[in-house]
Amino acid sequence: MSSTVERQDGGVAILTMSPEASRNTFNPENFQPLVSQIESLMEDPSCKAVILTGSGRFFSAGGPIDEFAEAIDDGTIGDMVSEMTNSLHSLILKIRASETVFIAAINGAAAGGGLGLALSADYRICSEQAKIAAAFFGLGASPDGGTTWLLPRLVGSQKTKKFFFNNEVWSAKEALEFGAIDEVSSSEELLENSIKIAKNWGKWSINSRRSTKQLLDASTSTFFETQLEFERALMVSSAQSPDFAEGVTAFIEKRDPKFSEE
């Protein structure tokens, strides 16, 4: 299988890409099963958080270069790249809008579209050996995978521009220093630390998780007045939910809330 799912307590699922899928993520034989598994987990109300990780030297190494060469020779490169980016971008949009918390446990190199996949997560933990790279300019390509939208929000526009134009490769330490990731961990503790974050962030209500993700993504692309209206609409909706009633009751009773899974 191109990827496997391991369920944990607390509504957490670990989705591990095989060495082949990590090395060649966007080959359709590897990527479509991965997309199906992620979508299935997002649709499962008992799954509150997903940890996405790779195997071996790579988290996700980006596009299949050998297949690019073949497609260039037979004149199908445009259709191939269009289909590939459509699939990746559709998945990233779903991840960003989902109430499911996504943790990228970056075990190795994340490059190209694989970097976009990592950046789309809500929290990113790198092993000490991990590296992140754009890699687009070395191929004469334009960036994709949401990297030109996601990375500037984390590290700033000019730092992102230098990252692309210098064709830089950042170590885990540099990525943390610049703000591209949230934490660096030893390889041995990577999943353990990811599970802790997944359980902690996944414990909140569906309304809180989904609304906050959507509001934060909208915050820099809308006028303030529009953002306030978006906040108002989502707050009114969440205030009428059973989870809000439980949260208010728990606060009054001085206990931890017990939010529903649906």
C-alpha atoms as a PDB file:
ATOM      1  CA  MET A   1       0.000   0.000   0.000  1.00  0.00           C
ATOM      2  CA  SER A   2       1.135   3.565  -0.686  1.00  0.00           C
ATOM      3  CA  SER A   3       0.122   4.684   2.807  1.00  0.00           C
ATOM      4  CA  THR A   4      -1.199   3.178   6.033  1.00  0.00           C
ATOM      5  CA  VAL A   5      -3.464   4.466   8.808  1.00  0.00           C
ATOM      6  CA  GLU A   6      -2.950   3.760  12.496  1.00  0.00           C
ATOM      7  CA  ARG A   7      -5.637   4.900  14.906  1.00  0.00           C
ATOM      8  CA  GLN A   8      -4.723   6.291  18.330  1.00  0.00           C
ATOM      9  CA  ASP A   9      -6.685   7.211  21.439  1.00  0.00           C
ATOM     10  CA  GLY A  10      -8.186  10.678  21.556  1.00  0.00           C
ATOM     11  CA  GLY A  11      -9.487  10.668  17.996  1.00  0.00           C
ATOM     12  CA  VAL A  12      -6.016  10.761  16.435  1.00  0.00           C
ATOM     13  CA  ALA A  13      -4.991   8.971  13.237  1.00  0.00           C
ATOM     14  CA  ILE A  14      -1.430   8.570  11.965  1.00  0.00           C
ATOM     15  CA  LEU A  15      -1.242   8.435   8.165  1.00  0.00           C
ATOM     16  CA  THR A  16       2.169   7.188   7.058  1.00  0.00           C
ATOM     17  CA  MET A  17       3.284   7.309   3.450  1.00  0.00           C
ATOM     18  CA  SER A  18       5.391   4.358   2.319  1.00  0.00           C
ATOM     19  CA  PRO A  19       9.012   4.965   1.252  1.00  0.00           C
ATOM     20  CA  GLU A  20       7.890   4.841  -2.383  1.00  0.00           C
ATOM     21  CA  ALA A  21       4.990   7.246  -1.776  1.00  0.00           C
ATOM     22  CA  SER A  22       7.273   9.606   0.152  1.00  0.00           C
ATOM     23  CA  ARG A  23       9.818   9.572  -2.656  1.00  0.00           C
ATOM     24  CA  ASN A  24       7.239   9.806  -5.459  1.00  0.00           C
ATOM     25  CA  THR A  25       4.149  11.267  -3.793  1.00  0.00           C
ATOM     26  CA  PHE A  26       2.393  12.711  -6.814  1.00  0.00           C
ATOM     27  CA  ASN A  27       2.518   9.692  -9.034  1.00  0.00           C
ATOM     28  CA  PRO A  28      -1.226   8.898  -9.448  1.00  0.00           C
ATOM     29  CA  GLU A  29      -0.767   5.359  -8.134  1.00  0.00           C
ATOM     30  CA  ASN A  30       0.534   6.825  -4.874  1.00  0.00           C
ATOM     31  CA  PHE A  31      -1.357  10.094  -4.614  1.00  0.00           C
ATOM     32  CA  GLN A  32      -4.933   9.036  -5.339  1.00  0.00           C
ATOM     33  CA  PRO A  33      -4.998   6.423  -2.548  1.00  0.00           C
ATOM     34  CA  LEU A  34      -3.484   9.031  -0.209  1.00  0.00           C
ATOM     35  CA  VAL A  35      -6.180  11.548  -1.140  1.00  0.00           C
ATOM     36  CA  SER A  36      -8.892   8.943  -0.573  1.00  0.00           C
ATOM     37  CA  GLN A  37      -7.511   8.073   2.858  1.00  0.00           C
ATOM     38  CA  ILE A  38      -7.269  11.712   3.926  1.00  0.00           C
ATOM     39  CA  GLU A  39     -10.792  12.454   2.703  1.00  0.00           C
ATOM     40  CA  SER A  40     -12.117   9.382   4.504  1.00  0.00           C
ATOM     41  CA  LEU A  41     -10.525  10.505   7.758  1.00  0.00           C
ATOM     42  CA  MET A  42     -11.929  14.027   7.346  1.00  0.00           C
ATOM     43  CA  GLU A  43     -15.408  12.549   6.893  1.00  0.00           C
ATOM     44  CA  ASP A  44     -15.096  10.392  10.028  1.00  0.00           C
ATOM     45  CA  PRO A  45     -16.518  12.355  12.991  1.00  0.00           C
ATOM     46  CA  SER A  46     -14.516  10.232  15.446  1.00  0.00           C
ATOM     47  CA  CYS A  47     -11.260  11.404  13.841  1.00  0.00           C
ATOM     48  CA  LYS A  48     -10.378  14.780  15.306  1.00  0.00           C
ATOM     49  CA  ALA A  49      -6.759  15.040  14.200  1.00  0.00           C
ATOM     50  CA  VAL A  50      -4.568  13.508  11.494  1.00  0.00           C
ATOM     51  CA  ILE A  51      -0.801  13.199  11.656  1.00  0.00           C
ATOM     52  CA  LEU A  52       0.715  12.988   8.175  1.00  0.00           C
ATOM     53  CA  THR A  53       4.245  11.631   7.944  1.00  0.00           C
ATOM     54  CA  GLY A  54       6.581   9.918   5.501  1.00  0.00           C
ATOM     55  CA  SER A  55       9.064   7.072   5.566  1.00  0.00           C
ATOM     56  CA  GLY A  56      12.806   6.904   5.113  1.00  0.00           C
ATOM     57  CA  ARG A  57      14.702   9.906   3.770  1.00  0.00           C
ATOM     58  CA  PHE A  58      11.639  11.787   2.537  1.00  0.00           C
ATOM     59  CA  PHE A  59       8.471  13.320   3.896  1.00  0.00           C
ATOM     60  CA  SER A  60       7.323  14.097   0.367  1.00  0.00           C
ATOM     61  CA  ALA A  61       9.790  14.718  -2.432  1.00  0.00           C
ATOM     62  CA  GLY A  62       7.444  16.339  -4.921  1.00  0.00           C
ATOM     63  CA  GLY A  63       6.704  15.495  -8.549  1.00  0.00           C
ATOM     64  CA  PRO A  64       7.865  12.443 -10.528  1.00  0.00           C
ATOM     65  CA  ILE A  65      10.758  13.855 -12.547  1.00  0.00           C
ATOM     66  CA  ASP A  66      11.227  10.724 -14.701  1.00  0.00           C
ATOM     67  CA  GLU A  67       7.572  10.808 -15.661  1.00  0.00           C
ATOM     68  CA  PHE A  68       7.858  14.522 -16.438  1.00  0.00           C
ATOM     69  CA  ALA A  69      10.600  13.705 -18.937  1.00  0.00           C
ATOM     70  CA  GLU A  70       8.464  11.064 -20.640  1.00  0.00           C
ATOM     71  CA  ALA A  71       5.481  13.423 -20.793  1.00  0.00           C
ATOM     72  CA  ILE A  72       7.623  16.154 -22.343  1.00  0.00           C
ATOM     73  CA  ASP A  73       8.737  13.709 -25.037  1.00  0.00           C
ATOM     74  CA  ASP A  74       5.223  12.575 -25.903  1.00  0.00           C
ATOM     75  CA  GLY A  75       3.633  16.020 -25.635  1.00  0.00           C
ATOM     76  CA  THR A  76       1.341  15.295 -22.667  1.00  0.00           C
ATOM     77  CA  ILE A  77       3.216  17.316 -20.023  1.00  0.00           C
ATOM     78  CA  GLY A  78       0.591  20.075 -19.891  1.00  0.00           C
ATOM     79  CA  ASP A  79      -2.275  17.677 -19.220  1.00  0.00           C
ATOM     80  CA  MET A  80      -0.179  15.721 -16.734  1.00  0.00           C
ATOM     81  CA  VAL A  81       0.811  18.754 -14.657  1.00  0.00           C
ATOM     82  CA  SER A  82      -2.711  20.190 -14.842  1.00  0.00           C
ATOM     83  CA  GLU A  83      -4.214  16.998 -13.467  1.00  0.00           C
ATOM     84  CA  MET A  84      -1.534  16.722 -10.786  1.00  0.00           C
ATOM     85  CA  THR A  85      -1.916  20.294  -9.526  1.00  0.00           C
ATOM     86  CA  ASN A  86      -5.710  20.094  -9.632  1.00  0.00           C
ATOM     87  CA  SER A  87      -5.624  17.025  -7.370  1.00  0.00           C
ATOM     88  CA  LEU A  88      -3.104  18.539  -4.958  1.00  0.00           C
ATOM     89  CA  HIS A  89      -4.750  21.940  -4.754  1.00  0.00           C
ATOM     90  CA  SER A  90      -8.187  20.438  -4.199  1.00  0.00           C
ATOM     91  CA  LEU A  91      -6.819  18.391  -1.311  1.00  0.00           C
ATOM     92  CA  ILE A  92      -5.041  21.380   0.246  1.00  0.00           C
ATOM     93  CA  LEU A  93      -8.233  23.456   0.145  1.00  0.00           C
ATOM     94  CA  LYS A  94     -10.104  20.673   1.932  1.00  0.00           C
ATOM     95  CA  ILE A  95      -7.393  20.366   4.584  1.00  0.00           C
ATOM     96  CA  ARG A  96      -7.418  24.102   5.260  1.00  0.00           C
ATOM     97  CA  ALA A  97     -11.225  24.269   5.577  1.00  0.00           C
ATOM     98  CA  SER A  98     -11.713  21.039   7.542  1.00  0.00           C
ATOM     99  CA  GLU A  99     -12.495  20.863  11.253  1.00  0.00           C
ATOM    100  CA  THR A 100      -9.954  18.038  11.385  1.00  0.00           C
ATOM    101  CA  VAL A 101      -6.617  19.187  12.791  1.00  0.00           C
ATOM    102  CA  PHE A 102      -3.660  18.266  10.584  1.00  0.00           C
ATOM    103  CA  ILE A 103      -0.153  17.791  11.947  1.00  0.00           C
ATOM    104  CA  ALA A 104       2.737  17.399   9.511  1.00  0.00           C
ATOM    105  CA  ALA A 105       5.371  15.195  11.132  1.00  0.00           C
ATOM    106  CA  ILE A 106       8.169  16.001   8.699  1.00  0.00           C
ATOM    107  CA  ASN A 107      10.564  13.090   9.016  1.00  0.00           C
ATOM    108  CA  GLY A 108      12.767  13.933   6.026  1.00  0.00           C
ATOM    109  CA  ALA A 109      12.959  16.125   2.951  1.00  0.00           C
ATOM    110  CA  ALA A 110       9.843  18.070   1.937  1.00  0.00           C
ATOM    111  CA  ALA A 111      10.209  19.597  -1.520  1.00  0.00           C
ATOM    112  CA  GLY A 112       8.086  21.087  -4.283  1.00  0.00           C
ATOM    113  CA  GLY A 113       4.459  20.087  -3.975  1.00  0.00           C
ATOM    114  CA  GLY A 114       5.451  18.029  -0.957  1.00  0.00           C
ATOM    115  CA  LEU A 115       6.441  21.250   0.781  1.00  0.00           C
ATOM    116  CA  GLY A 116       3.007  22.655  -0.038  1.00  0.00           C
ATOM    117  CA  LEU A 117       1.419  19.580   1.521  1.00  0.00           C
ATOM    118  CA  ALA A 118       3.456  20.120   4.700  1.00  0.00           C
ATOM    119  CA  LEU A 119       2.694  23.851   4.834  1.00  0.00           C
ATOM    120  CA  SER A 120      -1.043  23.199   4.497  1.00  0.00           C
ATOM    121  CA  ALA A 121      -1.049  21.472   7.894  1.00  0.00           C
ATOM    122  CA  ASP A 122      -2.132  23.320  11.029  1.00  0.00           C
ATOM    123  CA  TYR A 123       1.071  22.443  12.893  1.00  0.00           C
ATOM    124  CA  ARG A 124       4.440  21.321  11.562  1.00  0.00           C
ATOM    125  CA  ILE A 125       7.060  19.341  13.464  1.00  0.00           C
ATOM    126  CA  CYS A 126      10.398  18.530  11.829  1.00  0.00           C
ATOM    127  CA  SER A 127      12.853  15.855  12.807  1.00  0.00           C
ATOM    128  CA  GLU A 128      16.383  17.133  13.285  1.00  0.00           C
ATOM    129  CA  GLN A 129      17.338  15.549   9.939  1.00  0.00           C
ATOM    130  CA  ALA A 130      14.482  17.078   7.954  1.00  0.00           C
ATOM    131  CA  LYS A 131      14.985  19.684   5.241  1.00  0.00           C
ATOM    132  CA  ILE A 132      12.555  21.804   3.260  1.00  0.00           C
ATOM    133  CA  ALA A 133      13.139  23.022  -0.278  1.00  0.00           C
ATOM    134  CA  ALA A 134      11.157  24.720  -3.014  1.00  0.00           C
ATOM    135  CA  ALA A 135      13.082  23.070  -5.879  1.00  0.00           C
ATOM    136  CA  PHE A 136      10.883  24.700  -8.527  1.00  0.00           C
ATOM    137  CA  PHE A 137      13.486  27.085  -9.946  1.00  0.00           C
ATOM    138  CA  GLY A 138      15.995  24.286 -10.521  1.00  0.00           C
ATOM    139  CA  LEU A 139      13.435  22.739 -12.868  1.00  0.00           C
ATOM    140  CA  GLY A 140      12.552  26.002 -14.581  1.00  0.00           C
ATOM    141  CA  ALA A 141       9.081  25.669 -13.077  1.00  0.00           C
ATOM    142  CA  SER A 142       6.593  27.961 -11.389  1.00  0.00           C
ATOM    143  CA  PRO A 143       5.802  27.228  -7.721  1.00  0.00           C
ATOM    144  CA  ASP A 144       2.631  25.318  -6.873  1.00  0.00           C
ATOM    145  CA  GLY A 145       1.097  23.438  -3.969  1.00  0.00           C
ATOM    146  CA  GLY A 146      -0.024  26.691  -2.371  1.00  0.00           C
ATOM    147  CA  THR A 147       3.573  27.520  -1.440  1.00  0.00           C
ATOM    148  CA  THR A 148       3.342  31.128  -2.681  1.00  0.00           C
ATOM    149  CA  TRP A 149       0.319  31.719  -0.397  1.00  0.00           C
ATOM    150  CA  LEU A 150       1.166  29.575   2.622  1.00  0.00           C
ATOM    151  CA  LEU A 151       4.873  30.330   3.095  1.00  0.00           C
ATOM    152  CA  PRO A 152       4.648  34.170   3.018  1.00  0.00           C
ATOM    153  CA  ARG A 153       2.022  33.999   5.772  1.00  0.00           C
ATOM    154  CA  LEU A 154       4.530  32.154   7.938  1.00  0.00           C
ATOM    155  CA  VAL A 155       7.880  33.777   7.148  1.00  0.00           C
ATOM    156  CA  GLY A 156       7.045  36.975   5.231  1.00  0.00           C
ATOM    157  CA  SER A 157       7.024  37.900   1.566  1.00  0.00           C
ATOM    158  CA  GLN A 158      10.693  38.843   1.139  1.00  0.00           C
ATOM    159  CA  LYS A 159      12.002  35.791   2.991  1.00  0.00           C
ATOM    160  CA  THR A 160       9.822  33.673   0.721  1.00  0.00           C
ATOM    161  CA  LYS A 161      11.080  35.429  -2.390  1.00  0.00           C
ATOM    162  CA  LYS A 162      14.683  34.793  -1.356  1.00  0.00           C
ATOM    163  CA  PHE A 163      13.821  31.169  -0.622  1.00  0.00           C
ATOM    164  CA  PHE A 164      12.558  30.725  -4.176  1.00  0.00           C
ATOM    165  CA  PHE A 165      15.043  32.873  -6.086  1.00  0.00           C
ATOM    166  CA  ASN A 166      18.076  31.535  -4.225  1.00  0.00           C
ATOM    167  CA  ASN A 167      16.729  28.002  -4.618  1.00  0.00           C
ATOM    168  CA  GLU A 168      17.392  27.574  -0.909  1.00  0.00           C
ATOM    169  CA  VAL A 169      17.254  24.445   1.202  1.00  0.00           C
ATOM    170  CA  TRP A 170      16.421  25.061   4.861  1.00  0.00           C
ATOM    171  CA  SER A 171      17.473  22.774   7.652  1.00  0.00           C
ATOM    172  CA  ALA A 172      14.977  22.013  10.395  1.00  0.00           C
ATOM    173  CA  LYS A 173      16.747  24.527  12.635  1.00  0.00           C
ATOM    174  CA  GLU A 174      16.576  27.251   9.972  1.00  0.00           C
ATOM    175  CA  ALA A 175      12.928  26.496   9.185  1.00  0.00           C
ATOM    176  CA  LEU A 176      12.083  26.883  12.889  1.00  0.00           C
ATOM    177  CA  GLU A 177      14.096  30.098  13.171  1.00  0.00           C
ATOM    178  CA  PHE A 178      12.333  31.600  10.140  1.00  0.00           C
ATOM    179  CA  GLY A 179       8.875  30.521  11.327  1.00  0.00           C
ATOM    180  CA  ALA A 180       8.086  27.963   8.625  1.00  0.00           C
ATOM    181  CA  ILE A 181       7.649  25.190  11.201  1.00  0.00           C
ATOM    182  CA  ASP A 182       6.564  25.091  14.840  1.00  0.00           C
ATOM    183  CA  GLU A 183       8.889  22.602  16.470  1.00  0.00           C
ATOM    184  CA  VAL A 184      12.004  20.470  15.987  1.00  0.00           C
ATOM    185  CA  SER A 185      12.140  17.007  17.486  1.00  0.00           C
ATOM    186  CA  SER A 186      14.475  14.061  17.508  1.00  0.00           C
ATOM    187  CA  SER A 187      13.527  11.330  15.059  1.00  0.00           C
ATOM    188  CA  GLU A 188      12.759   9.013  17.963  1.00  0.00           C
ATOM    189  CA  GLU A 189      10.274  11.452  19.516  1.00  0.00           C
ATOM    190  CA  LEU A 190       8.767  12.869  16.306  1.00  0.00           C
ATOM    191  CA  LEU A 191       5.538  10.864  16.369  1.00  0.00           C
ATOM    192  CA  GLU A 192       5.224  10.956  20.148  1.00  0.00           C
ATOM    193  CA  ASN A 193       5.382  14.753  20.145  1.00  0.00           C
ATOM    194  CA  SER A 194       3.034  14.940  17.164  1.00  0.00           C
ATOM    195  CA  ILE A 195       0.474  12.792  18.968  1.00  0.00           C
ATOM    196  CA  LYS A 196       0.589  15.121  21.989  1.00  0.00           C
ATOM    197  CA  ILE A 197      -0.189  18.139  19.824  1.00  0.00           C
ATOM    198  CA  ALA A 198      -2.863  16.249  17.867  1.00  0.00           C
ATOM    199  CA  LYS A 199      -4.683  15.211  21.048  1.00  0.00           C
ATOM    200  CA  ASN A 200      -4.419  18.677  22.565  1.00  0.00           C
ATOM    201  CA  TRP A 201      -5.616  20.562  19.481  1.00  0.00           C
ATOM    202  CA  GLY A 202      -8.214  17.948  18.564  1.00  0.00           C
ATOM    203  CA  LYS A 203      -9.956  18.064  21.927  1.00  0.00           C
ATOM    204  CA  TRP A 204     -11.833  21.282  21.171  1.00  0.00           C
ATOM    205  CA  SER A 205     -15.276  21.439  19.611  1.00  0.00           C
ATOM    206  CA  ILE A 206     -15.841  21.050  15.887  1.00  0.00           C
ATOM    207  CA  ASN A 207     -17.143  24.619  15.711  1.00  0.00           C
ATOM    208  CA  SER A 208     -14.035  26.049  17.342  1.00  0.00           C
ATOM    209  CA  ARG A 209     -11.640  24.080  15.170  1.00  0.00           C
ATOM    210  CA  ARG A 210     -13.344  24.636  11.835  1.00  0.00           C
ATOM    211  CA  SER A 211     -14.303  28.292  12.342  1.00  0.00           C
ATOM    212  CA  THR A 212     -10.877  29.337  13.596  1.00  0.00           C
ATOM    213  CA  LYS A 213      -9.081  27.700  10.676  1.00  0.00           C
ATOM    214  CA  GLN A 214     -11.405  29.352   8.169  1.00  0.00           C
ATOM    215  CA  LEU A 215     -11.284  32.759   9.832  1.00  0.00           C
ATOM    216  CA  LEU A 216      -7.501  32.825  10.062  1.00  0.00           C
ATOM    217  CA  ASP A 217      -7.109  31.889   6.409  1.00  0.00           C
ATOM    218  CA  ALA A 218      -9.583  34.589   5.399  1.00  0.00           C
ATOM    219  CA  SER A 219      -8.037  37.253   7.619  1.00  0.00           C
ATOM    220  CA  THR A 220      -5.388  38.536   5.218  1.00  0.00           C
ATOM    221  CA  SER A 221      -7.450  38.307   2.058  1.00  0.00           C
ATOM    222  CA  THR A 222     -10.527  40.269   3.124  1.00  0.00           C
ATOM    223  CA  PHE A 223     -11.255  43.784   4.319  1.00  0.00           C
ATOM    224  CA  PHE A 224     -11.569  44.176   8.099  1.00  0.00           C
ATOM    225  CA  GLU A 225     -15.285  44.905   7.823  1.00  0.00           C
ATOM    226  CA  THR A 226     -15.812  41.713   5.823  1.00  0.00           C
ATOM    227  CA  GLN A 227     -13.761  39.736   8.350  1.00  0.00           C
ATOM    228  CA  LEU A 228     -15.872  41.053  11.216  1.00  0.00           C
ATOM    229  CA  GLU A 229     -19.052  39.967   9.434  1.00  0.00           C
ATOM    230  CA  PHE A 230     -17.552  36.516   8.821  1.00  0.00           C
ATOM    231  CA  GLU A 231     -16.679  36.280  12.514  1.00  0.00           C
ATOM    232  CA  ARG A 232     -20.178  37.371  13.518  1.00  0.00           C
ATOM    233  CA  ALA A 233     -21.865  34.797  11.285  1.00  0.00           C
ATOM    234  CA  LEU A 234     -19.739  31.921  12.557  1.00  0.00           C
ATOM    235  CA  MET A 235     -20.075  33.013  16.184  1.00  0.00           C
ATOM    236  CA  VAL A 236     -23.877  33.161  15.906  1.00  0.00           C
ATOM    237  CA  SER A 237     -23.895  29.717  14.309  1.00  0.00           C
ATOM    238  CA  SER A 238     -21.613  28.199  16.959  1.00  0.00           C
ATOM    239  CA  ALA A 239     -23.571  29.820  19.809  1.00  0.00           C
ATOM    240  CA  GLN A 240     -26.628  27.820  18.756  1.00  0.00           C
ATOM    241  CA  SER A 241     -24.808  24.483  18.846  1.00  0.00           C
ATOM    242  CA  PRO A 242     -24.943  21.814  21.595  1.00  0.00           C
ATOM    243  CA  ASP A 243     -21.173  22.189  22.046  1.00  0.00           C
ATOM    244  CA  PHE A 244     -21.586  25.845  23.005  1.00  0.00           C
ATOM    245  CA  ALA A 245     -24.240  24.944  25.556  1.00  0.00           C
ATOM    246  CA  GLU A 246     -21.907  22.277  26.965  1.00  0.00           C
ATOM    247  CA  GLY A 247     -19.014  24.750  27.106  1.00  0.00           C
ATOM    248  CA  VAL A 248     -21.073  27.333  28.999  1.00  0.00           C
ATOM    249  CA  THR A 249     -22.407  24.716  31.423  1.00  0.00           C
ATOM    250  CA  ALA A 250     -18.923  23.299  32.033  1.00  0.00           C
ATOM    251  CA  PHE A 251     -17.551  26.781  32.708  1.00  0.00           C
ATOM    252  CA  ILE A 252     -20.287  27.481  35.249  1.00  0.00           C
ATOM    253  CA  GLU A 253     -19.793  24.074  36.865  1.00  0.00           C
ATOM    254  CA  LYS A 254     -16.000  24.547  36.893  1.00  0.00           C
ATOM    255  CA  ARG A 255     -15.210  21.361  34.982  1.00  0.00           C
ATOM    256  CA  ASP A 256     -13.675  20.407  31.624  1.00  0.00           C
ATOM    257  CA  PRO A 257     -16.191  20.415  28.754  1.00  0.00           C
ATOM    258  CA  LYS A 258     -17.129  17.191  27.004  1.00  0.00           C
ATOM    259  CA  PHE A 259     -17.659  18.181  23.392  1.00  0.00           C
ATOM    260  CA  SER A 260     -19.513  15.967  20.931  1.00  0.00           C
ATOM    261  CA  GLU A 261     -17.868  14.252  17.979  1.00  0.00           C
ATOM    262  CA  GLU A 262     -20.491  15.395  15.469  1.00  0.00           C
END
